[in-house]
Amino acid sequence: MGGLWRFEEAESVLTEALMKWPDHKQILAGLANLYRLQRKWEKSITTWKHLIHLEPDNRPAHIGLIGPLAEALQFDEAFDHYKSF
């Protein structure tokens, strides 16, 4: 595909960056979104929750978490995050 959809490479780069800066909000958000695109729901959920733990009032993180929770059939928790904002 000529460089498109290089998920494994992107995941490797972001994971390596996260080892150096484990609480970097943009890296966490990027990795959570990448997991979502790959349909790795549990990894996406865990990453979004880590970001929310670091910054509880981060509205984009709560919104980002809703989709993977719903895909993982965790509707009650998804709705709780929806209601929180």
Protein backbone atom coordinates (compact mmCIF):
# COMPACT_ATOMS: atom_id res chain seq x y z
CA MET A 1 0.00 0.00 0.00
CA GLY A 2 2.90 2.33 -0.48
CA GLY A 3 3.54 3.27 3.13
CA LEU A 4 -0.07 3.46 4.25
CA TRP A 5 -1.37 1.43 7.16
CA ARG A 6 2.01 0.67 8.73
CA PHE A 7 0.41 -0.03 12.08
CA GLU A 8 3.10 -2.34 13.43
CA GLU A 9 5.84 0.20 12.76
CA ALA A 10 3.82 3.03 14.26
CA GLU A 11 3.02 0.93 17.32
CA SER A 12 6.69 0.09 17.76
CA VAL A 13 7.75 3.73 17.54
CA LEU A 14 5.06 4.92 19.97
CA THR A 15 5.72 2.09 22.42
CA GLU A 16 9.42 2.87 22.40
CA ALA A 17 8.72 6.57 22.96
CA LEU A 18 6.39 5.66 25.82
CA MET A 19 9.21 3.74 27.51
CA LYS A 20 11.20 6.99 27.62
CA TRP A 21 8.24 9.21 28.53
CA PRO A 22 5.61 6.99 30.19
CA ASP A 23 3.25 9.84 31.08
CA HIS A 24 3.47 11.82 27.84
CA LYS A 25 -0.13 12.70 27.05
CA GLN A 26 0.20 13.03 23.27
CA ILE A 27 2.05 9.72 22.95
CA LEU A 28 -0.59 7.99 25.07
CA ALA A 29 -3.42 9.46 22.99
CA GLY A 30 -1.69 8.51 19.75
CA LEU A 31 -1.11 4.96 20.93
CA ALA A 32 -4.69 4.61 22.21
CA ASN A 33 -6.01 5.77 18.83
CA LEU A 34 -3.64 3.44 17.00
CA TYR A 35 -4.88 0.49 19.06
CA ARG A 36 -8.46 1.54 18.24
CA LEU A 37 -7.69 1.59 14.52
CA GLN A 38 -6.28 -1.93 14.85
CA ARG A 39 -9.35 -3.06 16.79
CA LYS A 40 -7.21 -3.84 19.84
CA TRP A 41 -9.98 -2.74 22.16
CA GLU A 42 -8.49 -3.79 25.51
CA LYS A 43 -5.15 -2.14 24.78
CA SER A 44 -6.92 1.02 23.65
CA ILE A 45 -9.07 1.02 26.80
CA THR A 46 -6.06 0.51 29.08
CA THR A 47 -4.13 3.30 27.39
CA TRP A 48 -7.03 5.77 27.51
CA LYS A 49 -7.60 4.93 31.19
CA HIS A 50 -3.95 5.59 31.96
CA LEU A 51 -4.23 8.99 30.32
CA ILE A 52 -7.44 9.73 32.27
CA HIS A 53 -5.69 8.68 35.48
CA LEU A 54 -2.98 11.25 34.73
CA GLU A 55 -5.45 13.95 33.74
CA PRO A 56 -8.99 13.22 35.00
CA ASP A 57 -10.52 16.30 33.34
CA ASN A 58 -9.15 15.44 29.88
CA ARG A 59 -12.37 15.54 27.86
CA PRO A 60 -10.84 14.18 24.60
CA ALA A 61 -9.50 11.17 26.54
CA HIS A 62 -12.94 10.41 27.97
CA ILE A 63 -14.46 10.76 24.50
CA GLY A 64 -11.70 8.58 23.02
CA LEU A 65 -12.42 5.89 25.59
CA ILE A 66 -16.12 5.64 24.75
CA GLY A 67 -15.64 3.96 21.35
CA PRO A 68 -13.34 1.13 22.44
CA LEU A 69 -15.51 0.48 25.51
CA ALA A 70 -18.59 0.16 23.32
CA GLU A 71 -16.75 -2.09 20.85
CA ALA A 72 -15.70 -4.28 23.80
CA LEU A 73 -19.39 -4.41 24.83
CA GLN A 74 -18.73 -2.47 28.02
CA PHE A 75 -21.74 -0.24 27.46
CA ASP A 76 -22.37 0.83 31.06
CA GLU A 77 -18.85 2.12 31.49
CA ALA A 78 -18.96 3.80 28.06
CA PHE A 79 -22.17 5.56 29.06
CA ASP A 80 -20.61 6.67 32.36
CA HIS A 81 -17.78 8.39 30.47
CA TYR A 82 -20.30 9.92 28.08
CA LYS A 83 -22.32 11.34 30.99
CA SER A 84 -19.22 12.71 32.71
CA PHE A 85 -18.91 15.34 30.00
